[in-house]
């Protein structure tokens, strides 16, 4: 009796995220300090950053190994929607530089912080 059949297959997937190198940025904000005692206080600060959303996701897919069986030939399996056969689904054409997301509009980031103030 030989080795049992094994199905081996791999794909190489590269996901790249990029943005425009230089972009205008708008910044606004403010804050205040409230004195609790002459030495202690509380500081509250809020800021908003606005900029153009230029983000882009790019996907590259390269099948490296379509199908390989070690040992005995791999049997045909067909159970409902689960199918294994001697032909490989991983041997298709590579997908090169497919853009899956392309940002648009404005991106906003709001930052709110509080802190304890100690005077020396």
PDB file of N, CA and C in Angstrom:
ATOM      1  N   UNK A   1       0.852  -1.177   0.000  1.00  0.00           N
ATOM      2  CA  UNK A   1       0.000   0.000   0.000  1.00  0.00           C
ATOM      3  C   UNK A   1       0.902   1.246   0.000  1.00  0.00           C
ATOM      4  N   UNK A   2       0.631   2.204  -0.882  1.00  0.00           N
ATOM      5  CA  UNK A   2       1.463   3.398  -1.000  1.00  0.00           C
ATOM      6  C   UNK A   2       0.987   4.512  -0.086  1.00  0.00           C
ATOM      7  N   UNK A   3       1.538   5.668  -0.317  1.00  0.00           N
ATOM      8  CA  UNK A   3       1.152   6.851   0.451  1.00  0.00           C
ATOM      9  C   UNK A   3      -0.272   7.259   0.097  1.00  0.00           C
ATOM     10  N   UNK A   4      -1.004   7.879   1.045  1.00  0.00           N
ATOM     11  CA  UNK A   4      -2.341   8.369   0.710  1.00  0.00           C
ATOM     12  C   UNK A   4      -2.236   9.584  -0.215  1.00  0.00           C
ATOM     13  N   UNK A   5      -3.289   9.842  -0.968  1.00  0.00           N
ATOM     14  CA  UNK A   5      -3.303  10.973  -1.887  1.00  0.00           C
ATOM     15  C   UNK A   5      -3.405  12.274  -1.099  1.00  0.00           C
ATOM     16  N   UNK A   6      -2.676  13.296  -1.537  1.00  0.00           N
ATOM     17  CA  UNK A   6      -2.719  14.615  -0.915  1.00  0.00           C
ATOM     18  C   UNK A   6      -2.891  15.660  -2.006  1.00  0.00           C
ATOM     19  N   UNK A   7      -3.723  16.641  -1.774  1.00  0.00           N
ATOM     20  CA  UNK A   7      -3.918  17.730  -2.731  1.00  0.00           C
ATOM     21  C   UNK A   7      -3.096  18.921  -2.265  1.00  0.00           C
ATOM     22  N   UNK A   8      -2.186  19.387  -3.120  1.00  0.00           N
ATOM     23  CA  UNK A   8      -1.338  20.524  -2.785  1.00  0.00           C
ATOM     24  C   UNK A   8      -1.538  21.601  -3.845  1.00  0.00           C
ATOM     25  N   UNK A   9      -1.685  22.844  -3.416  1.00  0.00           N
ATOM     26  CA  UNK A   9      -1.799  23.952  -4.354  1.00  0.00           C
ATOM     27  C   UNK A   9      -1.497  25.253  -3.634  1.00  0.00           C
ATOM     28  N   UNK A  10      -0.869  26.185  -4.324  1.00  0.00           N
ATOM     29  CA  UNK A  10      -0.536  27.465  -3.700  1.00  0.00           C
ATOM     30  C   UNK A  10      -0.794  28.612  -4.675  1.00  0.00           C
ATOM     31  N   UNK A  11      -1.117  29.748  -4.133  1.00  0.00           N
ATOM     32  CA  UNK A  11      -1.210  31.003  -4.863  1.00  0.00           C
ATOM     33  C   UNK A  11      -0.352  32.018  -4.126  1.00  0.00           C
ATOM     34  N   UNK A  12       0.252  32.914  -4.863  1.00  0.00           N
ATOM     35  CA  UNK A  12       0.996  34.017  -4.264  1.00  0.00           C
ATOM     36  C   UNK A  12       0.152  35.277  -4.439  1.00  0.00           C
ATOM     37  N   UNK A  13      -0.271  35.878  -3.332  1.00  0.00           N
ATOM     38  CA  UNK A  13      -1.126  37.067  -3.365  1.00  0.00           C
ATOM     39  C   UNK A  13      -0.379  38.222  -2.707  1.00  0.00           C
ATOM     40  N   UNK A  14      -0.281  39.348  -3.425  1.00  0.00           N
ATOM     41  CA  UNK A  14       0.355  40.551  -2.895  1.00  0.00           C
ATOM     42  C   UNK A  14      -0.680  41.657  -2.876  1.00  0.00           C
ATOM     43  N   UNK A  15      -0.889  42.263  -1.704  1.00  0.00           N
ATOM     44  CA  UNK A  15      -1.818  43.380  -1.552  1.00  0.00           C
ATOM     45  C   UNK A  15      -0.995  44.613  -1.213  1.00  0.00           C
ATOM     46  N   UNK A  16      -1.158  45.660  -2.010  1.00  0.00           N
ATOM     47  CA  UNK A  16      -0.398  46.893  -1.841  1.00  0.00           C
ATOM     48  C   UNK A  16      -1.355  48.040  -1.581  1.00  0.00           C
ATOM     49  N   UNK A  17      -1.001  48.884  -0.620  1.00  0.00           N
ATOM     50  CA  UNK A  17      -1.777  50.076  -0.327  1.00  0.00           C
ATOM     51  C   UNK A  17      -0.905  51.289  -0.604  1.00  0.00           C
ATOM     52  N   UNK A  18      -1.456  52.271  -1.278  1.00  0.00           N
ATOM     53  CA  UNK A  18      -0.677  53.468  -1.569  1.00  0.00           C
ATOM     54  C   UNK A  18      -1.558  54.708  -1.542  1.00  0.00           C
ATOM     55  N   UNK A  19      -0.920  55.853  -1.392  1.00  0.00           N
ATOM     56  CA  UNK A  19      -1.587  57.152  -1.415  1.00  0.00           C
ATOM     57  C   UNK A  19      -0.741  58.106  -2.241  1.00  0.00           C
ATOM     58  N   UNK A  20      -1.366  59.208  -2.692  1.00  0.00           N
ATOM     59  CA  UNK A  20      -0.591  60.245  -3.359  1.00  0.00           C
ATOM     60  C   UNK A  20       0.500  60.723  -2.414  1.00  0.00           C
ATOM     61  N   UNK A  21       1.663  61.021  -2.958  1.00  0.00           N
ATOM     62  CA  UNK A  21       2.814  61.374  -2.122  1.00  0.00           C
ATOM     63  C   UNK A  21       2.595  62.661  -1.341  1.00  0.00           C
ATOM     64  N   UNK A  22       2.115  63.713  -1.983  1.00  0.00           N
ATOM     65  CA  UNK A  22       1.867  64.983  -1.305  1.00  0.00           C
ATOM     66  C   UNK A  22       0.395  65.346  -1.443  1.00  0.00           C
ATOM     67  N   UNK A  23      -0.178  65.804  -0.365  1.00  0.00           N
ATOM     68  CA  UNK A  23      -1.592  66.148  -0.349  1.00  0.00           C
ATOM     69  C   UNK A  23      -1.807  67.335   0.572  1.00  0.00           C
ATOM     70  N   UNK A  24      -2.756  68.197   0.214  1.00  0.00           N
ATOM     71  CA  UNK A  24      -3.087  69.318   1.100  1.00  0.00           C
ATOM     72  C   UNK A  24      -3.787  68.793   2.348  1.00  0.00           C
ATOM     73  N   UNK A  25      -3.584  69.502   3.452  1.00  0.00           N
ATOM     74  CA  UNK A  25      -4.145  69.089   4.730  1.00  0.00           C
ATOM     75  C   UNK A  25      -4.722  70.309   5.419  1.00  0.00           C
ATOM     76  N   UNK A  26      -5.930  70.181   5.927  1.00  0.00           N
ATOM     77  CA  UNK A  26      -6.533  71.238   6.726  1.00  0.00           C
ATOM     78  C   UNK A  26      -6.569  70.806   8.182  1.00  0.00           C
ATOM     79  N   UNK A  27      -6.201  71.708   9.080  1.00  0.00           N
ATOM     80  CA  UNK A  27      -6.153  71.389  10.505  1.00  0.00           C
ATOM     81  C   UNK A  27      -6.850  72.499  11.275  1.00  0.00           C
ATOM     82  N   UNK A  28      -7.740  72.126  12.149  1.00  0.00           N
ATOM     83  CA  UNK A  28      -8.401  73.087  13.024  1.00  0.00           C
ATOM     84  C   UNK A  28      -8.576  72.467  14.394  1.00  0.00           C
ATOM     85  N   UNK A  29      -8.659  73.305  15.393  1.00  0.00           N
ATOM     86  CA  UNK A  29      -8.843  72.764  16.732  1.00  0.00           C
ATOM     87  C   UNK A  29      -8.757  73.830  17.791  1.00  0.00           C
ATOM     88  N   UNK A  30      -8.876  73.395  19.013  1.00  0.00           N
ATOM     89  CA  UNK A  30      -8.804  74.298  20.141  1.00  0.00           C
ATOM     90  C   UNK A  30      -8.790  73.522  21.442  1.00  0.00           C
ATOM     91  N   UNK A  31      -8.639  74.234  22.507  1.00  0.00           N
ATOM     92  CA  UNK A  31      -8.611  73.591  23.811  1.00  0.00           C
ATOM     93  C   UNK A  31      -8.643  74.606  24.927  1.00  0.00           C
ATOM     94  N   UNK A  32      -8.769  74.111  26.139  1.00  0.00           N
ATOM     95  CA  UNK A  32      -8.773  74.991  27.307  1.00  0.00           C
ATOM     96  C   UNK A  32      -8.218  74.246  28.518  1.00  0.00           C
ATOM     97  N   UNK A  33      -7.803  75.024  29.502  1.00  0.00           N
ATOM     98  CA  UNK A  33      -7.321  74.486  30.768  1.00  0.00           C
ATOM     99  C   UNK A  33      -8.220  75.017  31.877  1.00  0.00           C
ATOM    100  N   UNK A  34      -8.649  74.114  32.758  1.00  0.00           N
ATOM    101  CA  UNK A  34      -9.478  74.499  33.897  1.00  0.00           C
ATOM    102  C   UNK A  34      -8.657  74.247  35.162  1.00  0.00           C
ATOM    103  N   UNK A  35      -8.438  75.304  35.944  1.00  0.00           N
ATOM    104  CA  UNK A  35      -7.646  75.179  37.174  1.00  0.00           C
ATOM    105  C   UNK A  35      -8.505  74.653  38.308  1.00  0.00           C
ATOM    106  N   UNK A  36      -8.081  73.550  38.911  1.00  0.00           N
ATOM    107  CA  UNK A  36      -8.760  72.996  40.082  1.00  0.00           C
ATOM    108  C   UNK A  36      -8.210  73.623  41.363  1.00  0.00           C
ATOM    109  N   UNK A  37      -6.892  73.775  41.427  1.00  0.00           N
ATOM    110  CA  UNK A  37      -6.193  74.437  42.526  1.00  0.00           C
ATOM    111  C   UNK A  37      -5.067  75.248  41.886  1.00  0.00           C
ATOM    112  N   UNK A  38      -4.306  76.020  42.653  1.00  0.00           N
ATOM    113  CA  UNK A  38      -3.176  76.746  42.049  1.00  0.00           C
ATOM    114  C   UNK A  38      -2.118  75.825  41.422  1.00  0.00           C
ATOM    115  N   UNK A  39      -2.034  74.545  41.842  1.00  0.00           N
ATOM    116  CA  UNK A  39      -1.028  73.622  41.299  1.00  0.00           C
ATOM    117  C   UNK A  39      -1.597  72.598  40.332  1.00  0.00           C
ATOM    118  N   UNK A  40      -2.892  72.313  40.380  1.00  0.00           N
ATOM    119  CA  UNK A  40      -3.503  71.241  39.595  1.00  0.00           C
ATOM    120  C   UNK A  40      -4.560  71.805  38.659  1.00  0.00           C
ATOM    121  N   UNK A  41      -4.694  71.144  37.499  1.00  0.00           N
ATOM    122  CA  UNK A  41      -5.716  71.548  36.550  1.00  0.00           C
ATOM    123  C   UNK A  41      -6.021  70.426  35.569  1.00  0.00           C
ATOM    124  N   UNK A  42      -7.005  70.687  34.720  1.00  0.00           N
ATOM    125  CA  UNK A  42      -7.400  69.734  33.688  1.00  0.00           C
ATOM    126  C   UNK A  42      -7.281  70.427  32.343  1.00  0.00           C
ATOM    127  N   UNK A  43      -6.715  69.738  31.361  1.00  0.00           N
ATOM    128  CA  UNK A  43      -6.559  70.274  30.010  1.00  0.00           C
ATOM    129  C   UNK A  43      -7.430  69.451  29.058  1.00  0.00           C
ATOM    130  N   UNK A  44      -8.222  70.130  28.217  1.00  0.00           N
ATOM    131  CA  UNK A  44      -9.066  69.493  27.203  1.00  0.00           C
ATOM    132  C   UNK A  44      -8.646  70.050  25.845  1.00  0.00           C
ATOM    133  N   UNK A  45      -8.479  69.169  24.867  1.00  0.00           N
ATOM    134  CA  UNK A  45      -8.007  69.577  23.546  1.00  0.00           C
ATOM    135  C   UNK A  45      -8.748  68.769  22.484  1.00  0.00           C
ATOM    136  N   UNK A  46      -9.145  69.442  21.387  1.00  0.00           N
ATOM    137  CA  UNK A  46      -9.801  68.771  20.265  1.00  0.00           C
ATOM    138  C   UNK A  46      -9.200  69.295  18.958  1.00  0.00           C
ATOM    139  N   UNK A  47      -8.973  68.376  18.008  1.00  0.00           N
ATOM    140  CA  UNK A  47      -8.410  68.749  16.709  1.00  0.00           C
ATOM    141  C   UNK A  47      -9.106  67.942  15.622  1.00  0.00           C
ATOM    142  N   UNK A  48      -9.184  68.539  14.427  1.00  0.00           N
ATOM    143  CA  UNK A  48      -9.763  67.879  13.267  1.00  0.00           C
ATOM    144  C   UNK A  48      -8.814  68.036  12.083  1.00  0.00           C
ATOM    145  N   UNK A  49      -8.486  66.924  11.451  1.00  0.00           N
ATOM    146  CA  UNK A  49      -7.662  66.916  10.241  1.00  0.00           C
ATOM    147  C   UNK A  49      -8.560  66.574   9.060  1.00  0.00           C
ATOM    148  N   UNK A  50      -8.494  67.338   7.982  1.00  0.00           N
ATOM    149  CA  UNK A  50      -9.245  67.075   6.754  1.00  0.00           C
ATOM    150  C   UNK A  50      -8.269  66.983   5.585  1.00  0.00           C
ATOM    151  N   UNK A  51      -8.401  65.942   4.784  1.00  0.00           N
ATOM    152  CA  UNK A  51      -7.560  65.802   3.599  1.00  0.00           C
ATOM    153  C   UNK A  51      -8.264  64.924   2.573  1.00  0.00           C
ATOM    154  N   UNK A  52      -7.815  65.012   1.331  1.00  0.00           N
ATOM    155  CA  UNK A  52      -8.384  64.242   0.235  1.00  0.00           C
ATOM    156  C   UNK A  52      -8.052  62.769   0.428  1.00  0.00           C
ATOM    157  N   UNK A  53      -9.050  61.924   0.252  1.00  0.00           N
ATOM    158  CA  UNK A  53      -8.850  60.480   0.352  1.00  0.00           C
ATOM    159  C   UNK A  53      -8.308  59.974  -0.981  1.00  0.00           C
ATOM    160  N   UNK A  54      -7.012  59.700  -1.046  1.00  0.00           N
ATOM    161  CA  UNK A  54      -6.387  59.232  -2.281  1.00  0.00           C
ATOM    162  C   UNK A  54      -5.879  57.797  -2.141  1.00  0.00           C
ATOM    163  N   UNK A  55      -6.377  57.069  -1.142  1.00  0.00           N
ATOM    164  CA  UNK A  55      -5.918  55.693  -0.911  1.00  0.00           C
ATOM    165  C   UNK A  55      -6.319  54.763  -2.036  1.00  0.00           C
ATOM    166  N   UNK A  56      -5.466  53.766  -2.279  1.00  0.00           N
ATOM    167  CA  UNK A  56      -5.707  52.815  -3.359  1.00  0.00           C
ATOM    168  C   UNK A  56      -5.167  51.455  -2.933  1.00  0.00           C
ATOM    169  N   UNK A  57      -5.999  50.405  -3.055  1.00  0.00           N
ATOM    170  CA  UNK A  57      -5.570  49.027  -2.810  1.00  0.00           C
ATOM    171  C   UNK A  57      -5.367  48.333  -4.144  1.00  0.00           C
ATOM    172  N   UNK A  58      -4.229  47.673  -4.303  1.00  0.00           N
ATOM    173  CA  UNK A  58      -3.909  46.957  -5.531  1.00  0.00           C
ATOM    174  C   UNK A  58      -3.568  45.515  -5.174  1.00  0.00           C
ATOM    175  N   UNK A  59      -4.128  44.565  -5.939  1.00  0.00           N
ATOM    176  CA  UNK A  59      -3.921  43.140  -5.679  1.00  0.00           C
ATOM    177  C   UNK A  59      -3.245  42.496  -6.884  1.00  0.00           C
ATOM    178  N   UNK A  60      -2.216  41.694  -6.617  1.00  0.00           N
ATOM    179  CA  UNK A  60      -1.550  40.867  -7.627  1.00  0.00           C
ATOM    180  C   UNK A  60      -1.677  39.410  -7.189  1.00  0.00           C
ATOM    181  N   UNK A  61      -2.131  38.532  -8.097  1.00  0.00           N
ATOM    182  CA  UNK A  61      -2.280  37.110  -7.790  1.00  0.00           C
ATOM    183  C   UNK A  61      -1.515  36.316  -8.833  1.00  0.00           C
ATOM    184  N   UNK A  62      -0.635  35.419  -8.350  1.00  0.00           N
ATOM    185  CA  UNK A  62       0.154  34.568  -9.245  1.00  0.00           C
ATOM    186  C   UNK A  62       0.055  33.114  -8.767  1.00  0.00           C
ATOM    187  N   UNK A  63      -0.605  32.266  -9.542  1.00  0.00           N
ATOM    188  CA  UNK A  63      -0.613  30.840  -9.163  1.00  0.00           C
ATOM    189  C   UNK A  63       0.792  30.266  -9.283  1.00  0.00           C
ATOM    190  N   UNK A  64       1.271  29.671  -8.213  1.00  0.00           N
ATOM    191  CA  UNK A  64       2.630  29.113  -8.230  1.00  0.00           C
ATOM    192  C   UNK A  64       2.604  27.618  -8.528  1.00  0.00           C
ATOM    193  N   UNK A  65       1.614  26.914  -8.015  1.00  0.00           N
ATOM    194  CA  UNK A  65       1.527  25.473  -8.205  1.00  0.00           C
ATOM    195  C   UNK A  65       0.059  25.142  -8.372  1.00  0.00           C
ATOM    196  N   UNK A  66      -0.328  24.661  -9.549  1.00  0.00           N
ATOM    197  CA  UNK A  66      -1.730  24.400  -9.813  1.00  0.00           C
ATOM    198  C   UNK A  66      -2.257  23.177  -9.110  1.00  0.00           C
ATOM    199  N   UNK A  67      -1.631  22.040  -9.278  1.00  0.00           N
ATOM    200  CA  UNK A  67      -2.115  20.801  -8.675  1.00  0.00           C
ATOM    201  C   UNK A  67      -0.962  19.825  -8.582  1.00  0.00           C
ATOM    202  N   UNK A  68      -0.897  19.156  -7.475  1.00  0.00           N
ATOM    203  CA  UNK A  68       0.115  18.122  -7.309  1.00  0.00           C
ATOM    204  C   UNK A  68      -0.445  17.100  -6.353  1.00  0.00           C
ATOM    205  N   UNK A  69      -0.269  15.852  -6.653  1.00  0.00           N
ATOM    206  CA  UNK A  69      -0.696  14.782  -5.768  1.00  0.00           C
ATOM    207  C   UNK A  69       0.508  13.914  -5.467  1.00  0.00           C
ATOM    208  N   UNK A  70       0.773  13.721  -4.196  1.00  0.00           N
ATOM    209  CA  UNK A  70       1.846  12.800  -3.812  1.00  0.00           C
ATOM    210  C   UNK A  70       1.194  11.474  -3.464  1.00  0.00           C
ATOM    211  N   UNK A  71       1.874  10.436  -3.714  1.00  0.00           N
ATOM    212  CA  UNK A  71       1.318   9.121  -3.410  1.00  0.00           C
ATOM    213  C   UNK A  71       0.377   8.671  -4.506  1.00  0.00           C
ATOM    214  N   UNK A  72      -0.754   8.063  -4.121  1.00  0.00           N
ATOM    215  CA  UNK A  72      -1.729   7.536  -5.067  1.00  0.00           C
ATOM    216  C   UNK A  72      -2.449   8.684  -5.776  1.00  0.00           C
ATOM    217  N   UNK A  73      -3.007   8.441  -6.935  1.00  0.00           N
ATOM    218  CA  UNK A  73      -3.777   9.489  -7.621  1.00  0.00           C
ATOM    219  C   UNK A  73      -4.936   9.971  -6.742  1.00  0.00           C
ATOM    220  N   UNK A  74      -5.222  11.238  -6.839  1.00  0.00           N
ATOM    221  CA  UNK A  74      -6.280  11.819  -6.026  1.00  0.00           C
ATOM    222  C   UNK A  74      -7.640  11.405  -6.580  1.00  0.00           C
ATOM    223  N   UNK A  75      -8.528  10.872  -5.746  1.00  0.00           N
ATOM    224  CA  UNK A  75      -9.821  10.415  -6.250  1.00  0.00           C
ATOM    225  C   UNK A  75     -10.749  11.600  -6.558  1.00  0.00           C
ATOM    226  N   UNK A  76     -11.712  11.384  -7.425  1.00  0.00           N
ATOM    227  CA  UNK A  76     -12.712  12.392  -7.744  1.00  0.00           C
ATOM    228  C   UNK A  76     -13.709  12.453  -6.586  1.00  0.00           C
ATOM    229  N   UNK A  77     -13.897  13.633  -5.986  1.00  0.00           N
ATOM    230  CA  UNK A  77     -14.822  13.818  -4.875  1.00  0.00           C
ATOM    231  C   UNK A  77     -15.854  14.844  -5.314  1.00  0.00           C
ATOM    232  N   UNK A  78     -17.137  14.494  -5.193  1.00  0.00           N
ATOM    233  CA  UNK A  78     -18.225  15.387  -5.589  1.00  0.00           C
ATOM    234  C   UNK A  78     -19.350  15.234  -4.569  1.00  0.00           C
ATOM    235  N   UNK A  79     -19.348  16.116  -3.545  1.00  0.00           N
ATOM    236  CA  UNK A  79     -20.367  16.069  -2.503  1.00  0.00           C
ATOM    237  C   UNK A  79     -21.023  17.434  -2.430  1.00  0.00           C
ATOM    238  N   UNK A  80     -22.195  17.578  -2.991  1.00  0.00           N
ATOM    239  CA  UNK A  80     -22.872  18.874  -2.989  1.00  0.00           C
ATOM    240  C   UNK A  80     -22.065  19.900  -3.765  1.00  0.00           C
ATOM    241  N   UNK A  81     -21.725  21.013  -3.092  1.00  0.00           N
ATOM    242  CA  UNK A  81     -20.923  22.052  -3.754  1.00  0.00           C
ATOM    243  C   UNK A  81     -19.426  21.842  -3.562  1.00  0.00           C
ATOM    244  N   UNK A  82     -19.028  20.825  -2.795  1.00  0.00           N
ATOM    245  CA  UNK A  82     -17.610  20.523  -2.578  1.00  0.00           C
ATOM    246  C   UNK A  82     -17.128  19.587  -3.677  1.00  0.00           C
ATOM    247  N   UNK A  83     -16.170  20.054  -4.471  1.00  0.00           N
ATOM    248  CA  UNK A  83     -15.683  19.250  -5.588  1.00  0.00           C
ATOM    249  C   UNK A  83     -14.157  19.264  -5.610  1.00  0.00           C
ATOM    250  N   UNK A  84     -13.561  18.100  -5.699  1.00  0.00           N
ATOM    251  CA  UNK A  84     -12.133  17.941  -5.927  1.00  0.00           C
ATOM    252  C   UNK A  84     -11.981  17.047  -7.148  1.00  0.00           C
ATOM    253  N   UNK A  85     -11.105  17.434  -8.038  1.00  0.00           N
ATOM    254  CA  UNK A  85     -10.869  16.635  -9.235  1.00  0.00           C
ATOM    255  C   UNK A  85      -9.388  16.712  -9.573  1.00  0.00           C
ATOM    256  N   UNK A  86      -8.991  15.983 -10.609  1.00  0.00           N
ATOM    257  CA  UNK A  86      -7.582  15.982 -11.002  1.00  0.00           C
ATOM    258  C   UNK A  86      -7.207  17.243 -11.754  1.00  0.00           C
ATOM    259  N   UNK A  87      -8.176  18.057 -12.151  1.00  0.00           N
ATOM    260  CA  UNK A  87      -7.846  19.355 -12.759  1.00  0.00           C
ATOM    261  C   UNK A  87      -7.837  20.398 -11.653  1.00  0.00           C
ATOM    262  N   UNK A  88      -6.941  21.341 -11.750  1.00  0.00           N
ATOM    263  CA  UNK A  88      -6.724  22.284 -10.657  1.00  0.00           C
ATOM    264  C   UNK A  88      -7.427  23.612 -10.902  1.00  0.00           C
ATOM    265  N   UNK A  89      -8.071  24.171  -9.891  1.00  0.00           N
ATOM    266  CA  UNK A  89      -8.641  25.510 -10.032  1.00  0.00           C
ATOM    267  C   UNK A  89      -7.593  26.609  -9.856  1.00  0.00           C
ATOM    268  N   UNK A  90      -6.387  26.247  -9.434  1.00  0.00           N
ATOM    269  CA  UNK A  90      -5.366  27.242  -9.133  1.00  0.00           C
ATOM    270  C   UNK A  90      -4.437  27.517 -10.312  1.00  0.00           C
ATOM    271  N   UNK A  91      -4.746  26.994 -11.480  1.00  0.00           N
ATOM    272  CA  UNK A  91      -3.822  27.178 -12.595  1.00  0.00           C
ATOM    273  C   UNK A  91      -4.332  28.204 -13.602  1.00  0.00           C
ATOM    274  N   UNK A  92      -5.159  29.144 -13.188  1.00  0.00           N
ATOM    275  CA  UNK A  92      -5.666  30.188 -14.078  1.00  0.00           C
ATOM    276  C   UNK A  92      -4.617  31.235 -14.371  1.00  0.00           C
ATOM    277  N   UNK A  93      -5.028  32.196 -15.171  1.00  0.00           N
ATOM    278  CA  UNK A  93      -4.115  33.286 -15.535  1.00  0.00           C
ATOM    279  C   UNK A  93      -3.862  34.188 -14.331  1.00  0.00           C
ATOM    280  N   UNK A  94      -2.659  34.719 -14.190  1.00  0.00           N
ATOM    281  CA  UNK A  94      -2.367  35.638 -13.082  1.00  0.00           C
ATOM    282  C   UNK A  94      -3.211  36.912 -13.182  1.00  0.00           C
ATOM    283  N   UNK A  95      -3.556  37.466 -12.038  1.00  0.00           N
ATOM    284  CA  UNK A  95      -4.252  38.750 -11.974  1.00  0.00           C
ATOM    285  C   UNK A  95      -3.206  39.780 -11.581  1.00  0.00           C
ATOM    286  N   UNK A  96      -2.911  40.709 -12.472  1.00  0.00           N
ATOM    287  CA  UNK A  96      -1.857  41.687 -12.217  1.00  0.00           C
ATOM    288  C   UNK A  96      -2.456  43.069 -12.023  1.00  0.00           C
ATOM    289  N   UNK A  97      -2.075  43.695 -10.943  1.00  0.00           N
ATOM    290  CA  UNK A  97      -2.433  45.078 -10.593  1.00  0.00           C
ATOM    291  C   UNK A  97      -3.917  45.368 -10.752  1.00  0.00           C
ATOM    292  N   UNK A  98      -4.738  44.564 -10.117  1.00  0.00           N
ATOM    293  CA  UNK A  98      -6.177  44.821 -10.081  1.00  0.00           C
ATOM    294  C   UNK A  98      -6.459  45.762  -8.919  1.00  0.00           C
ATOM    295  N   UNK A  99      -7.075  46.909  -9.194  1.00  0.00           N
ATOM    296  CA  UNK A  99      -7.409  47.879  -8.141  1.00  0.00           C
ATOM    297  C   UNK A  99      -8.720  47.449  -7.492  1.00  0.00           C
ATOM    298  N   UNK A 100      -8.682  47.160  -6.191  1.00  0.00           N
ATOM    299  CA  UNK A 100      -9.881  46.719  -5.479  1.00  0.00           C
ATOM    300  C   UNK A 100     -10.535  47.847  -4.699  1.00  0.00           C
ATOM    301  N   UNK A 101      -9.820  48.943  -4.464  1.00  0.00           N
ATOM    302  CA  UNK A 101     -10.377  50.109  -3.773  1.00  0.00           C
ATOM    303  C   UNK A 101      -9.674  51.348  -4.301  1.00  0.00           C
ATOM    304  N   UNK A 102     -10.467  52.391  -4.578  1.00  0.00           N
ATOM    305  CA  UNK A 102      -9.919  53.650  -5.039  1.00  0.00           C
ATOM    306  C   UNK A 102     -10.626  54.752  -4.252  1.00  0.00           C
ATOM    307  N   UNK A 103      -9.923  55.401  -3.341  1.00  0.00           N
ATOM    308  CA  UNK A 103     -10.518  56.396  -2.462  1.00  0.00           C
ATOM    309  C   UNK A 103     -10.946  57.650  -3.199  1.00  0.00           C
ATOM    310  N   UNK A 104     -11.971  58.305  -2.647  1.00  0.00           N
ATOM    311  CA  UNK A 104     -12.444  59.571  -3.201  1.00  0.00           C
ATOM    312  C   UNK A 104     -13.065  60.385  -2.071  1.00  0.00           C
ATOM    313  N   UNK A 105     -13.278  61.659  -2.316  1.00  0.00           N
ATOM    314  CA  UNK A 105     -13.883  62.514  -1.307  1.00  0.00           C
ATOM    315  C   UNK A 105     -12.872  62.973  -0.273  1.00  0.00           C
ATOM    316  N   UNK A 106     -13.391  63.429   0.867  1.00  0.00           N
ATOM    317  CA  UNK A 106     -12.533  63.909   1.953  1.00  0.00           C
ATOM    318  C   UNK A 106     -12.453  62.882   3.068  1.00  0.00           C
ATOM    319  N   UNK A 107     -11.298  62.821   3.676  1.00  0.00           N
ATOM    320  CA  UNK A 107     -11.060  61.975   4.848  1.00  0.00           C
ATOM    321  C   UNK A 107     -10.952  62.899   6.052  1.00  0.00           C
ATOM    322  N   UNK A 108     -11.606  62.568   7.143  1.00  0.00           N
ATOM    323  CA  UNK A 108     -11.572  63.395   8.348  1.00  0.00           C
ATOM    324  C   UNK A 108     -11.128  62.553   9.539  1.00  0.00           C
ATOM    325  N   UNK A 109     -10.241  63.128  10.347  1.00  0.00           N
ATOM    326  CA  UNK A 109      -9.798  62.491  11.584  1.00  0.00           C
ATOM    327  C   UNK A 109     -10.022  63.481  12.716  1.00  0.00           C
ATOM    328  N   UNK A 110     -10.762  63.037  13.719  1.00  0.00           N
ATOM    329  CA  UNK A 110     -11.044  63.875  14.880  1.00  0.00           C
ATOM    330  C   UNK A 110     -10.281  63.305  16.074  1.00  0.00           C
ATOM    331  N   UNK A 111      -9.563  64.168  16.782  1.00  0.00           N
ATOM    332  CA  UNK A 111      -8.783  63.757  17.952  1.00  0.00           C
ATOM    333  C   UNK A 111      -9.248  64.573  19.150  1.00  0.00           C
ATOM    334  N   UNK A 112      -9.604  63.874  20.208  1.00  0.00           N
ATOM    335  CA  UNK A 112     -10.036  64.516  21.443  1.00  0.00           C
ATOM    336  C   UNK A 112      -9.173  63.969  22.563  1.00  0.00           C
ATOM    337  N   UNK A 113      -8.590  64.860  23.365  1.00  0.00           N
ATOM    338  CA  UNK A 113      -7.739  64.392  24.459  1.00  0.00           C
ATOM    339  C   UNK A 113      -7.975  65.235  25.705  1.00  0.00           C
ATOM    340  N   UNK A 114      -7.753  64.623  26.838  1.00  0.00           N
ATOM    341  CA  UNK A 114      -7.814  65.304  28.134  1.00  0.00           C
ATOM    342  C   UNK A 114      -6.571  64.903  28.922  1.00  0.00           C
ATOM    343  N   UNK A 115      -6.230  65.731  29.863  1.00  0.00           N
ATOM    344  CA  UNK A 115      -5.061  65.430  30.672  1.00  0.00           C
ATOM    345  C   UNK A 115      -5.048  66.203  31.975  1.00  0.00           C
ATOM    346  N   UNK A 116      -4.249  65.738  32.876  1.00  0.00           N
ATOM    347  CA  UNK A 116      -4.070  66.369  34.177  1.00  0.00           C
ATOM    348  C   UNK A 116      -2.859  67.308  34.102  1.00  0.00           C
ATOM    349  N   UNK A 117      -3.025  68.538  34.573  1.00  0.00           N
ATOM    350  CA  UNK A 117      -1.959  69.534  34.543  1.00  0.00           C
ATOM    351  C   UNK A 117      -1.397  69.685  35.948  1.00  0.00           C
ATOM    352  N   UNK A 118      -0.076  69.623  36.060  1.00  0.00           N
ATOM    353  CA  UNK A 118       0.608  69.851  37.332  1.00  0.00           C
ATOM    354  C   UNK A 118       1.591  71.002  37.130  1.00  0.00           C
ATOM    355  N   UNK A 119       1.507  72.015  37.966  1.00  0.00           N
ATOM    356  CA  UNK A 119       2.424  73.157  37.884  1.00  0.00           C
ATOM    357  C   UNK A 119       3.488  73.028  38.969  1.00  0.00           C
ATOM    358  N   UNK A 120       4.724  73.321  38.629  1.00  0.00           N
ATOM    359  CA  UNK A 120       5.822  73.218  39.573  1.00  0.00           C
ATOM    360  C   UNK A 120       6.172  74.573  40.130  1.00  0.00           C
TER     361      UNK A 120
END
